[in-house]
C-alpha atoms as a PDB file:
ATOM      1  CA  UNK A   1      -0.016  -0.019   0.012  1.00  0.00           C
ATOM      2  CA  UNK A   2       1.427   3.422  -0.932  1.00  0.00           C
ATOM      3  CA  UNK A   3       2.054   5.869   1.905  1.00  0.00           C
ATOM      4  CA  UNK A   4      -0.781   8.177   2.929  1.00  0.00           C
ATOM      5  CA  UNK A   5      -1.069  11.305   5.025  1.00  0.00           C
ATOM      6  CA  UNK A   6      -2.179  10.592   8.560  1.00  0.00           C
ATOM      7  CA  UNK A   7      -3.104  13.166  11.204  1.00  0.00           C
ATOM      8  CA  UNK A   8      -3.286  11.975  14.809  1.00  0.00           C
ATOM      9  CA  UNK A   9      -5.375  14.017  17.246  1.00  0.00           C
ATOM     10  CA  UNK A  10      -4.062  13.475  20.744  1.00  0.00           C
ATOM     11  CA  UNK A  11      -5.359  16.282  22.909  1.00  0.00           C
ATOM     12  CA  UNK A  12      -5.603  15.779  26.640  1.00  0.00           C
ATOM     13  CA  UNK A  13      -3.540  16.375  29.780  1.00  0.00           C
ATOM     14  CA  UNK A  14      -0.780  14.123  31.044  1.00  0.00           C
ATOM     15  CA  UNK A  15       1.062  11.697  28.842  1.00  0.00           C
ATOM     16  CA  UNK A  16      -1.587   9.064  28.009  1.00  0.00           C
ATOM     17  CA  UNK A  17      -3.085  10.394  24.783  1.00  0.00           C
ATOM     18  CA  UNK A  18       0.290  11.545  23.481  1.00  0.00           C
ATOM     19  CA  UNK A  19       2.025   8.188  24.195  1.00  0.00           C
ATOM     20  CA  UNK A  20      -0.741   6.145  22.629  1.00  0.00           C
ATOM     21  CA  UNK A  21      -0.762   8.351  19.519  1.00  0.00           C
ATOM     22  CA  UNK A  22       3.051   8.145  19.244  1.00  0.00           C
ATOM     23  CA  UNK A  23       2.813   4.349  19.499  1.00  0.00           C
ATOM     24  CA  UNK A  24       0.382   4.252  16.617  1.00  0.00           C
ATOM     25  CA  UNK A  25       2.378   6.817  14.662  1.00  0.00           C
ATOM     26  CA  UNK A  26       5.561   4.774  14.899  1.00  0.00           C
ATOM     27  CA  UNK A  27       3.814   1.720  13.549  1.00  0.00           C
ATOM     28  CA  UNK A  28       2.229   3.648  10.755  1.00  0.00           C
ATOM     29  CA  UNK A  29       5.499   5.233   9.690  1.00  0.00           C
ATOM     30  CA  UNK A  30       7.047   1.743   9.394  1.00  0.00           C
ATOM     31  CA  UNK A  31       4.341   1.007   6.892  1.00  0.00           C
ATOM     32  CA  UNK A  32       5.432   4.012   4.871  1.00  0.00           C
ATOM     33  CA  UNK A  33       2.762   6.506   5.901  1.00  0.00           C
ATOM     34  CA  UNK A  34       3.496  10.173   6.610  1.00  0.00           C
ATOM     35  CA  UNK A  35       2.245  10.820  10.134  1.00  0.00           C
ATOM     36  CA  UNK A  36       1.589  14.222  11.699  1.00  0.00           C
ATOM     37  CA  UNK A  37       0.465  14.606  15.315  1.00  0.00           C
ATOM     38  CA  UNK A  38      -1.248  17.375  17.264  1.00  0.00           C
ATOM     39  CA  UNK A  39      -1.075  17.448  21.043  1.00  0.00           C
ATOM     40  CA  UNK A  40      -1.546  19.925  23.896  1.00  0.00           C
ATOM     41  CA  UNK A  41       0.160  17.771  26.556  1.00  0.00           C
ATOM     42  CA  UNK A  42       2.119  19.989  28.962  1.00  0.00           C
ATOM     43  CA  UNK A  43       4.940  17.465  28.706  1.00  0.00           C
ATOM     44  CA  UNK A  44       5.236  17.581  24.926  1.00  0.00           C
ATOM     45  CA  UNK A  45       7.573  20.617  24.684  1.00  0.00           C
ATOM     46  CA  UNK A  46      10.369  18.713  26.461  1.00  0.00           C
ATOM     47  CA  UNK A  47      10.164  15.568  24.379  1.00  0.00           C
ATOM     48  CA  UNK A  48      12.050  14.840  21.110  1.00  0.00           C
ATOM     49  CA  UNK A  49       8.920  13.704  19.276  1.00  0.00           C
ATOM     50  CA  UNK A  50      10.336  14.734  15.928  1.00  0.00           C
ATOM     51  CA  UNK A  51      12.976  12.010  16.262  1.00  0.00           C
ATOM     52  CA  UNK A  52      10.161   9.513  15.776  1.00  0.00           C
ATOM     53  CA  UNK A  53       7.797  11.336  13.403  1.00  0.00           C
ATOM     54  CA  UNK A  54      10.142  13.647  11.487  1.00  0.00           C
ATOM     55  CA  UNK A  55      10.752  17.424  11.508  1.00  0.00           C
ATOM     56  CA  UNK A  56       7.695  19.524  11.028  1.00  0.00           C
ATOM     57  CA  UNK A  57       5.321  16.644  11.750  1.00  0.00           C
ATOM     58  CA  UNK A  58       4.570  17.476  15.480  1.00  0.00           C
ATOM     59  CA  UNK A  59       2.169  20.297  16.331  1.00  0.00           C
ATOM     60  CA  UNK A  60       2.233  21.395  19.980  1.00  0.00           C
ATOM     61  CA  UNK A  61      -0.720  23.445  21.114  1.00  0.00           C
ATOM     62  CA  UNK A  62      -0.530  25.456  24.317  1.00  0.00           C
ATOM     63  CA  UNK A  63      -2.356  23.687  27.159  1.00  0.00           C
ATOM     64  CA  UNK A  64      -3.846  27.035  28.145  1.00  0.00           C
ATOM     65  CA  UNK A  65      -5.758  27.524  24.830  1.00  0.00           C
ATOM     66  CA  UNK A  66      -9.557  27.679  25.170  1.00  0.00           C
ATOM     67  CA  UNK A  67     -11.974  25.680  23.056  1.00  0.00           C
ATOM     68  CA  UNK A  68     -12.351  28.374  20.424  1.00  0.00           C
ATOM     69  CA  UNK A  69      -8.594  28.810  19.981  1.00  0.00           C
ATOM     70  CA  UNK A  70      -8.154  25.008  19.766  1.00  0.00           C
ATOM     71  CA  UNK A  71     -10.909  24.753  17.126  1.00  0.00           C
ATOM     72  CA  UNK A  72      -9.240  27.448  15.032  1.00  0.00           C
ATOM     73  CA  UNK A  73      -5.859  25.708  15.306  1.00  0.00           C
ATOM     74  CA  UNK A  74      -7.308  22.292  14.390  1.00  0.00           C
ATOM     75  CA  UNK A  75      -9.270  23.764  11.471  1.00  0.00           C
ATOM     76  CA  UNK A  76      -6.130  25.399  10.105  1.00  0.00           C
ATOM     77  CA  UNK A  77      -4.191  22.177  10.538  1.00  0.00           C
ATOM     78  CA  UNK A  78      -6.820  20.081   8.775  1.00  0.00           C
ATOM     79  CA  UNK A  79      -6.852  22.527   5.867  1.00  0.00           C
ATOM     80  CA  UNK A  80      -3.058  22.478   5.597  1.00  0.00           C
ATOM     81  CA  UNK A  81      -2.415  18.722   6.044  1.00  0.00           C
ATOM     82  CA  UNK A  82      -5.542  17.497   4.205  1.00  0.00           C
ATOM     83  CA  UNK A  83      -5.148  14.054   5.782  1.00  0.00           C
ATOM     84  CA  UNK A  84      -6.297  10.890   4.092  1.00  0.00           C
ATOM     85  CA  UNK A  85      -6.600   9.358   7.547  1.00  0.00           C
ATOM     86  CA  UNK A  86      -7.662  11.186  10.678  1.00  0.00           C
ATOM     87  CA  UNK A  87      -7.238   9.333  13.971  1.00  0.00           C
ATOM     88  CA  UNK A  88      -8.901  10.819  17.079  1.00  0.00           C
ATOM     89  CA  UNK A  89      -7.858   9.504  20.462  1.00  0.00           C
ATOM     90  CA  UNK A  90     -10.617   8.873  23.025  1.00  0.00           C
ATOM     91  CA  UNK A  91     -12.898  11.916  22.552  1.00  0.00           C
ATOM     92  CA  UNK A  92     -15.217  11.536  19.498  1.00  0.00           C
ATOM     93  CA  UNK A  93     -16.360  15.169  19.646  1.00  0.00           C
ATOM     94  CA  UNK A  94     -12.886  16.490  20.619  1.00  0.00           C
ATOM     95  CA  UNK A  95     -11.563  17.283  24.102  1.00  0.00           C
ATOM     96  CA  UNK A  96     -13.797  20.296  24.400  1.00  0.00           C
ATOM     97  CA  UNK A  97     -16.275  19.595  21.650  1.00  0.00           C
ATOM     98  CA  UNK A  98     -14.242  21.447  19.067  1.00  0.00           C
ATOM     99  CA  UNK A  99     -14.316  18.573  16.568  1.00  0.00           C
ATOM    100  CA  UNK A 100     -18.085  18.231  16.509  1.00  0.00           C
ATOM    101  CA  UNK A 101     -18.702  20.881  13.754  1.00  0.00           C
ATOM    102  CA  UNK A 102     -15.537  19.950  11.823  1.00  0.00           C
ATOM    103  CA  UNK A 103     -15.746  16.146  11.443  1.00  0.00           C
ATOM    104  CA  UNK A 104     -18.790  16.033   9.040  1.00  0.00           C
ATOM    105  CA  UNK A 105     -16.774  18.095   6.530  1.00  0.00           C
ATOM    106  CA  UNK A 106     -13.574  16.072   6.777  1.00  0.00           C
ATOM    107  CA  UNK A 107     -13.210  13.823   3.745  1.00  0.00           C
ATOM    108  CA  UNK A 108     -10.543  11.562   5.345  1.00  0.00           C
ATOM    109  CA  UNK A 109     -11.033   8.066   6.667  1.00  0.00           C
ATOM    110  CA  UNK A 110     -11.977   8.868  10.246  1.00  0.00           C
ATOM    111  CA  UNK A 111     -10.877   6.541  13.058  1.00  0.00           C
ATOM    112  CA  UNK A 112     -11.680   6.745  16.739  1.00  0.00           C
ATOM    113  CA  UNK A 113      -9.354   5.186  19.318  1.00  0.00           C
ATOM    114  CA  UNK A 114     -12.147   4.062  21.650  1.00  0.00           C
ATOM    115  CA  UNK A 115     -11.343   3.461  25.304  1.00  0.00           C
ATOM    116  CA  UNK A 116     -13.259   3.229  28.539  1.00  0.00           C
ATOM    117  CA  UNK A 117     -15.041   6.470  29.363  1.00  0.00           C
ATOM    118  CA  UNK A 118     -17.014   7.455  32.428  1.00  0.00           C
ATOM    119  CA  UNK A 119     -20.759   6.705  31.807  1.00  0.00           C
ATOM    120  CA  UNK A 120     -21.707  10.182  33.054  1.00  0.00           C
ATOM    121  CA  UNK A 121     -19.554  11.738  30.378  1.00  0.00           C
ATOM    122  CA  UNK A 122     -20.915   9.461  27.676  1.00  0.00           C
ATOM    123  CA  UNK A 123     -24.496  10.396  28.632  1.00  0.00           C
ATOM    124  CA  UNK A 124     -24.030  14.031  29.340  1.00  0.00           C
ATOM    125  CA  UNK A 125     -22.542  14.808  25.925  1.00  0.00           C
ATOM    126  CA  UNK A 126     -24.575  12.302  24.015  1.00  0.00           C
ATOM    127  CA  UNK A 127     -21.510  10.521  22.581  1.00  0.00           C
ATOM    128  CA  UNK A 128     -23.581   7.827  20.940  1.00  0.00           C
ATOM    129  CA  UNK A 129     -24.641  10.265  18.204  1.00  0.00           C
ATOM    130  CA  UNK A 130     -21.039  11.126  17.335  1.00  0.00           C
ATOM    131  CA  UNK A 131     -19.871   7.528  16.989  1.00  0.00           C
ATOM    132  CA  UNK A 132     -21.375   7.019  13.540  1.00  0.00           C
ATOM    133  CA  UNK A 133     -19.206   9.970  12.286  1.00  0.00           C
ATOM    134  CA  UNK A 134     -16.249   7.508  12.300  1.00  0.00           C
ATOM    135  CA  UNK A 135     -15.532   4.856   9.691  1.00  0.00           C
ATOM    136  CA  UNK A 136     -13.756   2.693  12.251  1.00  0.00           C
ATOM    137  CA  UNK A 137     -13.612   2.342  16.039  1.00  0.00           C
ATOM    138  CA  UNK A 138     -10.473   0.715  17.410  1.00  0.00           C
ATOM    139  CA  UNK A 139     -10.619  -0.668  20.974  1.00  0.00           C
ATOM    140  CA  UNK A 140      -7.045  -0.957  22.231  1.00  0.00           C
ATOM    141  CA  UNK A 141      -7.120  -3.804  24.730  1.00  0.00           C
ATOM    142  CA  UNK A 142      -9.647  -2.694  27.336  1.00  0.00           C
ATOM    143  CA  UNK A 143     -13.494  -2.521  27.612  1.00  0.00           C
ATOM    144  CA  UNK A 144     -15.210   0.527  26.047  1.00  0.00           C
ATOM    145  CA  UNK A 145     -18.858   1.771  25.934  1.00  0.00           C
ATOM    146  CA  UNK A 146     -19.338   1.174  22.180  1.00  0.00           C
ATOM    147  CA  UNK A 147     -17.056  -1.844  21.776  1.00  0.00           C
ATOM    148  CA  UNK A 148     -19.950  -3.801  20.217  1.00  0.00           C
ATOM    149  CA  UNK A 149     -20.648  -1.246  17.559  1.00  0.00           C
ATOM    150  CA  UNK A 150     -20.578  -2.847  14.077  1.00  0.00           C
ATOM    151  CA  UNK A 151     -17.641  -0.704  13.068  1.00  0.00           C
ATOM    152  CA  UNK A 152     -15.624  -1.464  16.242  1.00  0.00           C
ATOM    153  CA  UNK A 153     -12.627  -3.815  16.317  1.00  0.00           C
ATOM    154  CA  UNK A 154     -10.575  -4.822  19.316  1.00  0.00           C
ATOM    155  CA  UNK A 155      -6.784  -5.096  19.289  1.00  0.00           C
ATOM    156  CA  UNK A 156      -4.219  -6.053  21.907  1.00  0.00           C
ATOM    157  CA  UNK A 157      -3.050  -3.085  24.022  1.00  0.00           C
ATOM    158  CA  UNK A 158      -0.977  -0.441  22.273  1.00  0.00           C
ATOM    159  CA  UNK A 159       2.631  -0.005  23.350  1.00  0.00           C
ATOM    160  CA  UNK A 160       5.190   2.535  22.255  1.00  0.00           C
ATOM    161  CA  UNK A 161       7.891  -0.116  21.812  1.00  0.00           C
ATOM    162  CA  UNK A 162       7.892  -3.655  20.604  1.00  0.00           C
ATOM    163  CA  UNK A 163       9.358  -6.242  22.967  1.00  0.00           C
ATOM    164  CA  UNK A 164      12.538  -6.494  20.943  1.00  0.00           C
ATOM    165  CA  UNK A 165      13.172  -2.801  21.303  1.00  0.00           C
ATOM    166  CA  UNK A 166      13.455  -2.865  25.116  1.00  0.00           C
ATOM    167  CA  UNK A 167      16.893  -2.359  26.587  1.00  0.00           C
ATOM    168  CA  UNK A 168      18.455  -5.356  28.226  1.00  0.00           C
ATOM    169  CA  UNK A 169      18.768  -5.412  31.987  1.00  0.00           C
ATOM    170  CA  UNK A 170      22.396  -4.158  32.276  1.00  0.00           C
ATOM    171  CA  UNK A 171      21.821  -1.362  29.776  1.00  0.00           C
ATOM    172  CA  UNK A 172      18.552  -0.358  31.337  1.00  0.00           C
ATOM    173  CA  UNK A 173      20.074  -0.220  34.854  1.00  0.00           C
ATOM    174  CA  UNK A 174      22.978   1.812  33.523  1.00  0.00           C
ATOM    175  CA  UNK A 175      20.505   4.298  32.005  1.00  0.00           C
ATOM    176  CA  UNK A 176      18.797   4.423  35.390  1.00  0.00           C
ATOM    177  CA  UNK A 177      22.065   5.441  36.978  1.00  0.00           C
ATOM    178  CA  UNK A 178      22.782   2.208  38.891  1.00  0.00           C
ATOM    179  CA  UNK A 179      26.412   2.356  40.039  1.00  0.00           C
ATOM    180  CA  UNK A 180      28.868  -0.350  39.108  1.00  0.00           C
ATOM    181  CA  UNK A 181      29.018  -3.018  41.757  1.00  0.00           C
ATOM    182  CA  UNK A 182      25.335  -2.619  42.792  1.00  0.00           C
ATOM    183  CA  UNK A 183      23.855  -4.900  40.162  1.00  0.00           C
ATOM    184  CA  UNK A 184      21.789  -6.776  42.672  1.00  0.00           C
ATOM    185  CA  UNK A 185      20.283  -3.762  44.441  1.00  0.00           C
ATOM    186  CA  UNK A 186      16.596  -3.424  43.475  1.00  0.00           C
ATOM    187  CA  UNK A 187      15.454  -0.353  41.573  1.00  0.00           C
ATOM    188  CA  UNK A 188      12.182   1.325  42.506  1.00  0.00           C
ATOM    189  CA  UNK A 189      10.993   3.741  39.773  1.00  0.00           C
ATOM    190  CA  UNK A 190       8.381   6.383  40.590  1.00  0.00           C
ATOM    191  CA  UNK A 191       6.542   7.838  37.551  1.00  0.00           C
ATOM    192  CA  UNK A 192       5.685  11.530  37.689  1.00  0.00           C
ATOM    193  CA  UNK A 193       3.677  12.480  34.598  1.00  0.00           C
ATOM    194  CA  UNK A 194       0.163  13.520  35.679  1.00  0.00           C
ATOM    195  CA  UNK A 195      -1.194  16.849  36.890  1.00  0.00           C
ATOM    196  CA  UNK A 196       1.239  19.342  38.467  1.00  0.00           C
ATOM    197  CA  UNK A 197       0.207  18.502  42.036  1.00  0.00           C
ATOM    198  CA  UNK A 198       0.500  14.790  41.268  1.00  0.00           C
ATOM    199  CA  UNK A 199       4.023  15.275  39.895  1.00  0.00           C
ATOM    200  CA  UNK A 200       4.905  17.025  43.163  1.00  0.00           C
ATOM    201  CA  UNK A 201       3.369  14.139  45.200  1.00  0.00           C
ATOM    202  CA  UNK A 202       5.354  11.612  43.206  1.00  0.00           C
ATOM    203  CA  UNK A 203       8.603  13.537  43.884  1.00  0.00           C
ATOM    204  CA  UNK A 204       7.833  13.588  47.581  1.00  0.00           C
ATOM    205  CA  UNK A 205       7.029   9.874  47.602  1.00  0.00           C
ATOM    206  CA  UNK A 206      10.359   9.158  45.884  1.00  0.00           C
ATOM    207  CA  UNK A 207      12.177  11.011  48.633  1.00  0.00           C
ATOM    208  CA  UNK A 208      10.258   9.079  51.311  1.00  0.00           C
ATOM    209  CA  UNK A 209      11.071   5.815  49.616  1.00  0.00           C
ATOM    210  CA  UNK A 210      14.709   6.721  49.479  1.00  0.00           C
ATOM    211  CA  UNK A 211      14.765   7.258  53.214  1.00  0.00           C
ATOM    212  CA  UNK A 212      12.657   4.318  54.224  1.00  0.00           C
ATOM    213  CA  UNK A 213      14.158   1.722  56.585  1.00  0.00           C
ATOM    214  CA  UNK A 214      14.242  -1.955  55.585  1.00  0.00           C
ATOM    215  CA  UNK A 215      15.489  -3.593  52.457  1.00  0.00           C
ATOM    216  CA  UNK A 216      17.883  -1.306  50.531  1.00  0.00           C
ATOM    217  CA  UNK A 217      16.754  -0.027  47.157  1.00  0.00           C
ATOM    218  CA  UNK A 218      17.749   2.547  44.617  1.00  0.00           C
ATOM    219  CA  UNK A 219      14.869   4.963  43.959  1.00  0.00           C
ATOM    220  CA  UNK A 220      14.557   6.796  40.705  1.00  0.00           C
ATOM    221  CA  UNK A 221      12.043   9.517  39.808  1.00  0.00           C
ATOM    222  CA  UNK A 222      11.088   9.256  36.125  1.00  0.00           C
ATOM    223  CA  UNK A 223       9.432  12.335  34.639  1.00  0.00           C
ATOM    224  CA  UNK A 224       9.316  13.537  31.035  1.00  0.00           C
ATOM    225  CA  UNK A 225       9.605  17.092  32.324  1.00  0.00           C
ATOM    226  CA  UNK A 226      12.806  16.864  34.372  1.00  0.00           C
ATOM    227  CA  UNK A 227      16.270  15.307  33.761  1.00  0.00           C
ATOM    228  CA  UNK A 228      17.268  12.648  32.941  1.00  0.00           C
ATOM    229  CA  UNK A 229      14.026  12.475  30.872  1.00  0.00           C
ATOM    230  CA  UNK A 230      14.111   8.717  30.385  1.00  0.00           C
ATOM    231  CA  UNK A 231      11.200   8.679  27.968  1.00  0.00           C
ATOM    232  CA  UNK A 232       9.679   6.337  27.161  1.00  0.00           C
ATOM    233  CA  UNK A 233       9.960   4.653  30.572  1.00  0.00           C
ATOM    234  CA  UNK A 234       9.070   1.409  28.781  1.00  0.00           C
ATOM    235  CA  UNK A 235      12.542   1.390  27.241  1.00  0.00           C
ATOM    236  CA  UNK A 236      14.185   0.860  30.714  1.00  0.00           C
ATOM    237  CA  UNK A 237      11.397  -1.264  32.208  1.00  0.00           C
ATOM    238  CA  UNK A 238      13.545  -4.420  32.348  1.00  0.00           C
ATOM    239  CA  UNK A 239      15.859  -2.625  34.752  1.00  0.00           C
ATOM    240  CA  UNK A 240      13.026  -1.698  37.114  1.00  0.00           C
ATOM    241  CA  UNK A 241      12.138  -4.010  39.999  1.00  0.00           C
ATOM    242  CA  UNK A 242       9.153  -2.095  41.333  1.00  0.00           C
ATOM    243  CA  UNK A 243       7.199   0.519  39.396  1.00  0.00           C
ATOM    244  CA  UNK A 244       5.131   3.145  41.317  1.00  0.00           C
ATOM    245  CA  UNK A 245       2.634   5.259  39.419  1.00  0.00           C
ATOM    246  CA  UNK A 246      -1.016   5.955  38.699  1.00  0.00           C
ATOM    247  CA  UNK A 247      -3.625   3.759  36.999  1.00  0.00           C
ATOM    248  CA  UNK A 248      -3.349   5.327  33.573  1.00  0.00           C
ATOM    249  CA  UNK A 249      -3.615   3.255  30.407  1.00  0.00           C
ATOM    250  CA  UNK A 250       0.039   3.287  29.441  1.00  0.00           C
ATOM    251  CA  UNK A 251       1.487   2.691  32.916  1.00  0.00           C
ATOM    252  CA  UNK A 252      -0.765  -0.285  33.545  1.00  0.00           C
ATOM    253  CA  UNK A 253      -0.356  -1.838  30.072  1.00  0.00           C
ATOM    254  CA  UNK A 254       3.399  -1.457  30.056  1.00  0.00           C
ATOM    255  CA  UNK A 255       3.739  -2.997  33.522  1.00  0.00           C
ATOM    256  CA  UNK A 256       1.519  -5.992  32.579  1.00  0.00           C
ATOM    257  CA  UNK A 257       3.349  -6.526  29.244  1.00  0.00           C
ATOM    258  CA  UNK A 258       6.767  -6.579  30.879  1.00  0.00           C
ATOM    259  CA  UNK A 259       5.743  -8.380  34.038  1.00  0.00           C
ATOM    260  CA  UNK A 260       6.914  -5.450  36.189  1.00  0.00           C
ATOM    261  CA  UNK A 261       5.467  -5.371  39.759  1.00  0.00           C
ATOM    262  CA  UNK A 262       3.208  -2.306  39.916  1.00  0.00           C
ATOM    263  CA  UNK A 263       2.068  -0.241  42.871  1.00  0.00           C
ATOM    264  CA  UNK A 264      -0.518   2.211  41.524  1.00  0.00           C
ATOM    265  CA  UNK A 265      -2.735   4.887  42.961  1.00  0.00           C
ATOM    266  CA  UNK A 266      -6.111   5.233  41.176  1.00  0.00           C
ATOM    267  CA  UNK A 267      -6.145   8.953  40.394  1.00  0.00           C
ATOM    268  CA  UNK A 268      -9.522  10.767  39.954  1.00  0.00           C
ATOM    269  CA  UNK A 269     -10.186  11.767  36.357  1.00  0.00           C
ATOM    270  CA  UNK A 270     -13.154  13.398  34.584  1.00  0.00           C
ATOM    271  CA  UNK A 271     -13.244  10.792  31.811  1.00  0.00           C
ATOM    272  CA  UNK A 272     -11.027   7.832  32.723  1.00  0.00           C
ATOM    273  CA  UNK A 273     -11.770   5.284  35.450  1.00  0.00           C
ATOM    274  CA  UNK A 274      -8.385   4.262  36.695  1.00  0.00           C
ATOM    275  CA  UNK A 275      -9.773   2.138  39.520  1.00  0.00           C
ATOM    276  CA  UNK A 276     -11.432  -0.217  37.030  1.00  0.00           C
ATOM    277  CA  UNK A 277      -8.166  -0.692  35.139  1.00  0.00           C
ATOM    278  CA  UNK A 278      -6.211  -1.735  38.231  1.00  0.00           C
ATOM    279  CA  UNK A 279      -6.433  -5.163  39.741  1.00  0.00           C
ATOM    280  CA  UNK A 280      -7.104  -5.251  43.445  1.00  0.00           C
ATOM    281  CA  UNK A 281      -3.632  -6.486  44.267  1.00  0.00           C
ATOM    282  CA  UNK A 282      -2.097  -3.331  42.741  1.00  0.00           C
ATOM    283  CA  UNK A 283      -4.585  -0.659  43.623  1.00  0.00           C
ATOM    284  CA  UNK A 284      -3.947   1.662  46.563  1.00  0.00           C
ATOM    285  CA  UNK A 285      -5.395   4.963  47.608  1.00  0.00           C
ATOM    286  CA  UNK A 286      -2.791   6.810  49.648  1.00  0.00           C
ATOM    287  CA  UNK A 287       0.950   7.534  49.526  1.00  0.00           C
ATOM    288  CA  UNK A 288       1.407   5.803  52.879  1.00  0.00           C
ATOM    289  CA  UNK A 289      -0.101   2.644  51.396  1.00  0.00           C
ATOM    290  CA  UNK A 290       2.257   2.955  48.482  1.00  0.00           C
ATOM    291  CA  UNK A 291       5.210   3.082  50.837  1.00  0.00           C
ATOM    292  CA  UNK A 292       4.103  -0.018  52.687  1.00  0.00           C
ATOM    293  CA  UNK A 293       3.350  -1.972  49.471  1.00  0.00           C
ATOM    294  CA  UNK A 294       6.805  -1.229  48.104  1.00  0.00           C
ATOM    295  CA  UNK A 295       8.335  -2.419  51.363  1.00  0.00           C
ATOM    296  CA  UNK A 296       6.321  -5.662  51.087  1.00  0.00           C
ATOM    297  CA  UNK A 297       7.508  -6.336  47.580  1.00  0.00           C
ATOM    298  CA  UNK A 298      11.149  -5.694  48.436  1.00  0.00           C
ATOM    299  CA  UNK A 299      10.973  -7.862  51.546  1.00  0.00           C
ATOM    300  CA  UNK A 300       9.424 -10.626  49.495  1.00  0.00           C
ATOM    301  CA  UNK A 301      12.578 -10.877  47.429  1.00  0.00           C
ATOM    302  CA  UNK A 302      10.672 -11.632  44.201  1.00  0.00           C
ATOM    303  CA  UNK A 303      11.619  -8.462  42.362  1.00  0.00           C
ATOM    304  CA  UNK A 304      15.034  -9.225  41.026  1.00  0.00           C
ATOM    305  CA  UNK A 305      15.346  -8.139  37.377  1.00  0.00           C
ATOM    306  CA  UNK A 306      17.552 -11.051  36.238  1.00  0.00           C
ATOM    307  CA  UNK A 307      14.900 -13.552  37.407  1.00  0.00           C
ATOM    308  CA  UNK A 308      12.144 -12.068  35.266  1.00  0.00           C
ATOM    309  CA  UNK A 309      11.702 -13.633  31.889  1.00  0.00           C
ATOM    310  CA  UNK A 310      12.455 -11.685  28.745  1.00  0.00           C
ATOM    311  CA  UNK A 311       9.163  -9.957  27.812  1.00  0.00           C
ATOM    312  CA  UNK A 312       7.332 -11.379  24.813  1.00  0.00           C
ATOM    313  CA  UNK A 313       4.169  -9.432  24.114  1.00  0.00           C
ATOM    314  CA  UNK A 314       2.001  -8.514  21.134  1.00  0.00           C
ATOM    315  CA  UNK A 315       1.953  -4.820  20.363  1.00  0.00           C
ATOM    316  CA  UNK A 316      -1.584  -3.945  19.198  1.00  0.00           C
ATOM    317  CA  UNK A 317      -0.441  -0.974  17.118  1.00  0.00           C
ATOM    318  CA  UNK A 318       0.530  -3.209  14.214  1.00  0.00           C
ATOM    319  CA  UNK A 319      -2.992  -4.744  14.092  1.00  0.00           C
ATOM    320  CA  UNK A 320      -4.421  -1.282  14.421  1.00  0.00           C
ATOM    321  CA  UNK A 321      -2.533   0.026  11.387  1.00  0.00           C
ATOM    322  CA  UNK A 322      -3.602  -2.942   9.349  1.00  0.00           C
ATOM    323  CA  UNK A 323      -7.283  -2.361  10.277  1.00  0.00           C
ATOM    324  CA  UNK A 324      -7.018   1.328   9.406  1.00  0.00           C
ATOM    325  CA  UNK A 325      -5.504   0.469   6.023  1.00  0.00           C
ATOM    326  CA  UNK A 326      -8.290  -2.027   5.327  1.00  0.00           C
ATOM    327  CA  UNK A 327     -10.908   0.587   6.244  1.00  0.00           C
ATOM    328  CA  UNK A 328      -9.289   3.133   3.952  1.00  0.00           C
ATOM    329  CA  UNK A 329      -9.123   0.604   1.080  1.00  0.00           C
ATOM    330  CA  UNK A 330     -12.840  -0.141   1.425  1.00  0.00           C
ATOM    331  CA  UNK A 331     -13.638   3.538   1.369  1.00  0.00           C
ATOM    332  CA  UNK A 332     -11.685   3.889  -1.899  1.00  0.00           C
ATOM    333  CA  UNK A 333     -13.602   1.063  -3.564  1.00  0.00           C
ATOM    334  CA  UNK A 334     -16.972   2.592  -2.853  1.00  0.00           C
END
């Protein structure tokens, strides 16, 4: 199939929408497509996204822009790019409803990345009437309100890296700053990539973990906004013995795919239901609980990186690209 112009819409706070769109974009580029991405993630300015998608193909909108300014920016981008494929992550009417008046006029093959959404949000904004705007709904490895729609197709979870792209244990631990001679000391990584106050809480938790009595561990704070900017965290996951974070899509799916013990706080969100994504054994509600759970895992002695098997998972982005191509081909034949 000849390369086509794809535009990925990944508006939303934090890193979730951006990471998922980048995962799809990498897979699409491998198939020869030209991929452009628009995001308003507050973390996007500090990330070398162009290294993956090419210079001029990443459009960063200010997180402070209101709905009208966002609509104008998206309208200009659609007019300039004229995509043959438009992929919208999570929000069928746009993050603030700005896509609702634009989508009917877009001639591209329209694809919705359809994930779990809070029922109140689905009902309040009447999302059911926007679903038929899309030529294909892709459900990336978790339940979703319209997963049984005739145009919906499920795939395995989407990950930014394939299993063969992960760094081996020694290299990952070196990237994490593990000193020579401390190869057997467990590494506890704390992810800090949510709201500003959550990033501060994560930093405070990392400090508490570093000072905690009991089994010795090396604690590392991983944030895309502060050095050493080890993004994506998935690349060094094999060097991490315990991962501490929230219950967002990417954190949970990356931990499950790599078999990394996860201690996760279910953060409140307007649209996402993190508590449903987390299994009871991993879900906690306070920072004190997180501290105790990490201690338990370290005392149990089952977190040694060399003992974990080499990850072997299916990255759903490749199936997603194939389904999008099929949908586009069908549209051409009509």
